Amino acid sequence: MLPLTVIHAEDISVGKELHQQSCLECHKPQLYERPDRTVKTLQHLRSQVLFCAVNNDVEWFDEEIDDVTAYLNAFYYLFGMK
């Protein structure tokens, strides 16, 4: 018998919705488009999303952190997509 495993694929549409609900109060899209942005890797982007969620009492599961990270990467950062 094979062990049961759950694989989560990031859902960009969920990430977009979560971002709109919880992030736009502080972060306007121009923040992500600045030429001098400090986020330089996908892992750093995820760390920043997690940092913001924790420090703003946004109770997201790891999968939701991944979804928001995937959304921001797909539309603004493009790490590993160029």
Protein backbone atom coordinates (compact mmCIF):
# COMPACT_ATOMS: atom_id res chain seq x y z
CA MET A 1 0.00 0.00 0.00
CA LEU A 2 1.35 3.44 -0.97
CA PRO A 3 1.50 6.20 1.65
CA LEU A 4 -1.01 9.00 1.23
CA THR A 5 0.53 12.33 0.35
CA VAL A 6 -1.05 15.64 -0.40
CA ILE A 7 0.53 17.81 -3.01
CA HIS A 8 -0.47 21.47 -3.11
CA ALA A 9 -0.12 23.32 -6.37
CA GLU A 10 -0.09 27.06 -5.93
CA ASP A 11 -3.32 28.71 -7.00
CA ILE A 12 -2.63 32.14 -8.47
CA SER A 13 -6.29 33.13 -8.50
CA VAL A 14 -6.57 32.39 -4.77
CA GLY A 15 -3.34 34.32 -4.20
CA LYS A 16 -4.71 37.31 -6.07
CA GLU A 17 -7.91 37.29 -4.00
CA LEU A 18 -6.00 36.98 -0.72
CA HIS A 19 -3.66 39.78 -1.79
CA GLN A 20 -6.58 42.05 -2.65
CA GLN A 21 -8.27 41.32 0.68
CA SER A 22 -5.27 41.65 2.95
CA CYS A 23 -2.35 43.43 1.30
CA LEU A 24 -3.60 46.38 -0.75
CA GLU A 25 -4.23 48.46 2.34
CA CYS A 26 -0.44 48.82 2.73
CA HIS A 27 0.97 47.71 -0.62
CA LYS A 28 0.02 49.33 -3.89
CA PRO A 29 1.11 47.55 -7.08
CA GLN A 30 3.76 50.23 -7.68
CA LEU A 31 5.70 48.77 -4.73
CA TYR A 32 6.34 45.60 -6.72
CA GLU A 33 7.27 47.48 -9.90
CA ARG A 34 10.00 49.69 -8.41
CA PRO A 35 13.37 49.32 -10.11
CA ASP A 36 15.13 49.41 -6.72
CA ARG A 37 13.09 46.67 -5.02
CA THR A 38 15.00 44.59 -2.51
CA VAL A 39 13.41 41.19 -3.18
CA LYS A 40 15.79 39.32 -5.48
CA THR A 41 14.73 35.65 -5.23
CA LEU A 42 11.56 33.60 -5.02
CA GLN A 43 12.52 32.39 -1.53
CA HIS A 44 13.01 36.00 -0.38
CA LEU A 45 9.62 36.89 -1.84
CA ARG A 46 7.97 34.08 0.13
CA SER A 47 9.80 35.24 3.27
CA GLN A 48 8.44 38.75 2.78
CA VAL A 49 4.88 37.49 2.28
CA LEU A 50 5.19 35.41 5.44
CA PHE A 51 6.71 38.35 7.35
CA CYS A 52 3.83 40.64 6.37
CA ALA A 53 1.21 38.02 7.21
CA VAL A 54 2.67 37.33 10.66
CA ASN A 55 3.24 40.98 11.53
CA ASN A 56 -0.25 42.00 10.44
CA ASP A 57 -2.05 39.11 12.13
CA VAL A 58 -3.22 37.65 8.83
CA GLU A 59 -3.96 34.04 9.65
CA TRP A 60 -2.94 32.27 6.48
CA PHE A 61 -1.96 28.63 6.15
CA ASP A 62 1.33 27.76 4.41
CA GLU A 63 -0.62 27.00 1.23
CA GLU A 64 -2.09 30.52 1.24
CA ILE A 65 1.38 32.03 1.73
CA ASP A 66 2.45 29.98 -1.30
CA ASP A 67 -0.59 31.15 -3.29
CA VAL A 68 0.13 34.83 -2.61
CA THR A 69 3.80 34.30 -3.39
CA ALA A 70 2.88 32.58 -6.68
CA TYR A 71 0.51 35.42 -7.60
CA LEU A 72 3.10 38.12 -6.91
CA ASN A 73 5.75 36.16 -8.78
CA ALA A 74 3.54 35.53 -11.82
CA PHE A 75 2.45 39.14 -12.19
CA TYR A 76 5.38 41.19 -10.88
CA TYR A 77 8.63 39.38 -10.09
CA LEU A 78 8.83 36.57 -12.68
CA PHE A 79 11.52 34.56 -10.84
CA GLY A 80 12.20 31.41 -12.86
CA MET A 81 9.79 32.53 -15.59
CA LYS A 82 12.03 34.53 -17.88
